[in-house]
N, C-alpha and C. Protein backbone atom coordinates (compact mmCIF):
# COMPACT_ATOMS: atom_id res chain seq x y z
N UNK A 1 116.29 94.01 100.22
CA UNK A 1 116.48 94.56 99.05
C UNK A 1 115.32 95.48 98.83
N UNK A 2 115.53 96.54 98.22
CA UNK A 2 114.44 97.50 97.78
C UNK A 2 114.47 97.59 96.23
N UNK A 3 113.21 97.93 95.69
CA UNK A 3 112.99 98.27 94.41
C UNK A 3 112.43 99.61 94.29
N UNK A 4 113.15 100.36 93.50
CA UNK A 4 112.47 101.87 93.35
C UNK A 4 111.26 101.78 92.54
N UNK A 5 110.20 102.36 92.90
CA UNK A 5 109.03 102.39 92.27
C UNK A 5 108.50 103.70 91.68
N UNK A 6 109.32 104.80 91.97
CA UNK A 6 109.12 106.12 91.52
C UNK A 6 110.26 106.95 91.78
N UNK A 7 110.51 108.00 90.73
CA UNK A 7 111.73 108.68 90.78
C UNK A 7 112.15 109.22 92.12
N UNK A 8 113.29 109.16 92.45
CA UNK A 8 113.84 109.79 93.80
C UNK A 8 115.20 110.27 93.60
N UNK A 9 115.40 111.51 94.31
CA UNK A 9 116.68 112.05 94.27
C UNK A 9 117.13 112.78 95.60
N UNK A 10 118.17 112.58 96.28
CA UNK A 10 118.56 113.14 97.38
C UNK A 10 120.12 113.12 97.48
N UNK A 11 120.65 113.43 98.69
CA UNK A 11 121.92 113.26 99.07
C UNK A 11 122.34 111.80 99.11
N UNK A 12 121.36 110.87 99.18
CA UNK A 12 121.63 109.50 99.26
C UNK A 12 121.72 108.93 97.86
N UNK A 13 121.34 109.54 96.88
CA UNK A 13 121.48 109.02 95.54
C UNK A 13 120.36 109.47 94.71
N UNK A 14 120.32 109.01 93.43
CA UNK A 14 119.47 109.38 92.41
C UNK A 14 118.96 107.86 91.95
N UNK A 15 117.59 107.66 91.94
CA UNK A 15 117.21 106.30 91.58
C UNK A 15 115.97 106.55 90.67
N UNK A 16 115.83 105.56 89.70
CA UNK A 16 114.70 105.50 88.68
C UNK A 16 113.95 104.34 88.95
N UNK A 17 112.58 104.35 88.60
CA UNK A 17 111.89 103.07 88.74
C UNK A 17 112.46 101.93 88.07
N UNK A 18 112.57 100.86 88.89
CA UNK A 18 113.17 99.62 88.41
C UNK A 18 114.63 99.36 89.05
N UNK A 19 115.17 100.40 89.57
CA UNK A 19 116.41 100.22 90.09
C UNK A 19 116.30 99.46 91.51
N UNK A 20 117.49 98.74 91.76
CA UNK A 20 117.45 97.85 93.02
C UNK A 20 118.56 98.45 94.01
N UNK A 21 118.31 98.41 95.31
CA UNK A 21 118.98 98.74 96.18
C UNK A 21 119.35 97.66 97.19
N UNK A 22 120.69 97.22 97.35
CA UNK A 22 120.88 95.97 98.20
C UNK A 22 121.96 96.29 99.24
N UNK A 23 121.70 97.40 100.00
CA UNK A 23 122.57 97.88 101.07
C UNK A 23 121.71 98.04 102.29
N UNK A 24 121.79 97.29 103.29
CA UNK A 24 120.68 97.43 104.37
C UNK A 24 120.70 98.75 104.96
N UNK A 25 121.94 99.51 105.22
CA UNK A 25 121.99 100.81 105.83
C UNK A 25 121.38 101.80 104.97
N UNK A 26 121.62 101.75 103.56
CA UNK A 26 121.00 102.63 102.68
C UNK A 26 119.60 102.39 102.60
N UNK A 27 119.15 101.28 102.54
CA UNK A 27 117.68 100.83 102.46
C UNK A 27 116.96 101.47 103.63
N UNK A 28 117.39 101.59 104.70
CA UNK A 28 116.72 102.05 105.98
C UNK A 28 116.65 103.59 105.79
N UNK A 29 117.60 104.21 105.39
CA UNK A 29 117.71 105.69 105.11
C UNK A 29 116.69 106.12 104.01
N UNK A 30 116.61 105.39 103.05
CA UNK A 30 115.65 105.66 101.89
C UNK A 30 114.32 105.46 102.41
N UNK A 31 113.91 104.43 103.11
CA UNK A 31 112.61 104.16 103.45
C UNK A 31 112.15 105.34 104.55
N UNK A 32 113.07 105.75 105.36
CA UNK A 32 112.72 106.68 106.24
C UNK A 32 112.37 108.12 105.53
N UNK A 33 113.19 108.28 104.52
CA UNK A 33 112.98 109.53 103.72
C UNK A 33 111.86 109.63 102.85
N UNK A 34 111.63 108.47 102.08
CA UNK A 34 110.50 108.53 101.17
C UNK A 34 110.09 106.95 101.03
N UNK A 35 109.22 106.52 101.98
CA UNK A 35 108.57 105.15 101.86
C UNK A 35 107.85 104.88 100.58
N UNK A 36 107.25 105.93 100.09
CA UNK A 36 106.34 105.79 98.86
C UNK A 36 107.17 105.55 97.58
N UNK A 37 108.52 105.82 97.58
CA UNK A 37 109.28 105.73 96.43
C UNK A 37 109.98 104.35 96.32
N UNK A 38 109.94 103.44 97.39
CA UNK A 38 110.42 102.19 97.38
C UNK A 38 109.63 101.10 97.86
N UNK A 39 109.92 99.84 97.40
CA UNK A 39 109.14 98.72 97.85
C UNK A 39 110.13 97.62 98.20
N UNK A 40 109.90 96.92 99.30
CA UNK A 40 110.75 95.81 99.62
C UNK A 40 110.53 94.68 98.73
N UNK A 41 111.53 93.89 98.30
CA UNK A 41 111.52 92.69 97.57
C UNK A 41 112.42 91.63 98.06
N UNK A 42 112.18 90.40 97.74
CA UNK A 42 113.10 89.30 98.10
C UNK A 42 114.16 89.09 97.05
N UNK A 43 113.70 89.34 95.80
CA UNK A 43 114.76 89.11 94.78
C UNK A 43 114.44 90.05 93.54
N UNK A 44 115.20 90.04 92.63
CA UNK A 44 115.22 91.01 91.39
C UNK A 44 113.92 90.52 90.59
N UNK A 45 113.63 89.23 90.59
CA UNK A 45 112.67 88.76 89.93
C UNK A 45 111.23 88.91 90.53
N UNK A 46 111.08 89.30 91.71
CA UNK A 46 109.90 89.48 92.32
C UNK A 46 109.17 90.78 91.89
N UNK A 47 107.97 90.62 91.52
CA UNK A 47 107.04 91.81 91.09
C UNK A 47 106.63 92.43 92.42
N UNK A 48 106.57 93.81 92.16
CA UNK A 48 106.17 94.72 93.23
C UNK A 48 104.52 95.02 93.04
N UNK A 49 103.86 94.78 94.17
CA UNK A 49 102.47 95.23 94.16
C UNK A 49 102.46 96.58 94.83
N UNK A 50 101.93 97.58 93.96
CA UNK A 50 101.96 99.00 94.52
C UNK A 50 100.63 99.20 95.17
N UNK A 51 100.61 99.56 96.50
CA UNK A 51 99.37 99.77 97.11
C UNK A 51 99.11 101.29 97.22
N UNK A 52 97.96 101.81 96.65
CA UNK A 52 97.69 103.20 96.74
C UNK A 52 97.47 103.65 98.26
N UNK A 53 97.89 104.70 98.61
CA UNK A 53 97.78 105.27 99.83
C UNK A 53 97.01 106.40 99.84
N UNK A 54 96.20 106.66 100.98
CA UNK A 54 95.40 107.94 100.98
C UNK A 54 96.43 109.18 101.11
N UNK A 55 96.08 110.37 100.57
CA UNK A 55 97.02 111.36 100.49
C UNK A 55 97.05 111.95 102.09
N UNK A 56 98.31 112.32 102.52
CA UNK A 56 98.57 112.67 103.70
C UNK A 56 97.60 114.02 104.00
N UNK A 57 97.09 114.18 105.25
CA UNK A 57 96.31 115.35 105.48
C UNK A 57 97.16 116.64 105.41
N UNK A 58 96.48 117.76 105.00
CA UNK A 58 97.14 119.05 104.85
C UNK A 58 97.57 119.55 106.23
N UNK A 59 98.63 120.16 106.37
CA UNK A 59 98.95 120.59 107.64
C UNK A 59 98.83 122.11 107.49
N UNK A 60 98.13 122.81 108.41
CA UNK A 60 98.01 124.27 108.30
C UNK A 60 99.08 124.82 109.17
N UNK A 61 99.48 125.96 108.65
CA UNK A 61 100.56 126.63 109.45
C UNK A 61 99.95 127.27 110.72
N UNK A 62 100.81 127.52 111.59
CA UNK A 62 100.56 128.17 113.00
C UNK A 62 100.96 129.60 112.98
N UNK A 63 100.29 130.34 113.24
CA UNK A 63 100.70 131.65 113.31
C UNK A 63 100.91 132.06 114.77
N UNK A 64 102.12 132.91 114.98
CA UNK A 64 102.41 133.20 116.30
C UNK A 64 102.01 134.71 116.52
């Protein structure tokens, strides 16, 4: 089960913080697309500890 921890919107759906997702196939797709928007939980009562992550390195464009 996943809990949404930040706003998320795509073709897979629209989720707000606090929403729960309990579909294993959808969970995998959401985590692949936006791991930082969701946290795995065992139950709806479980609190989610949000771990801050270092920002992703900037990617410079390659000119041809």
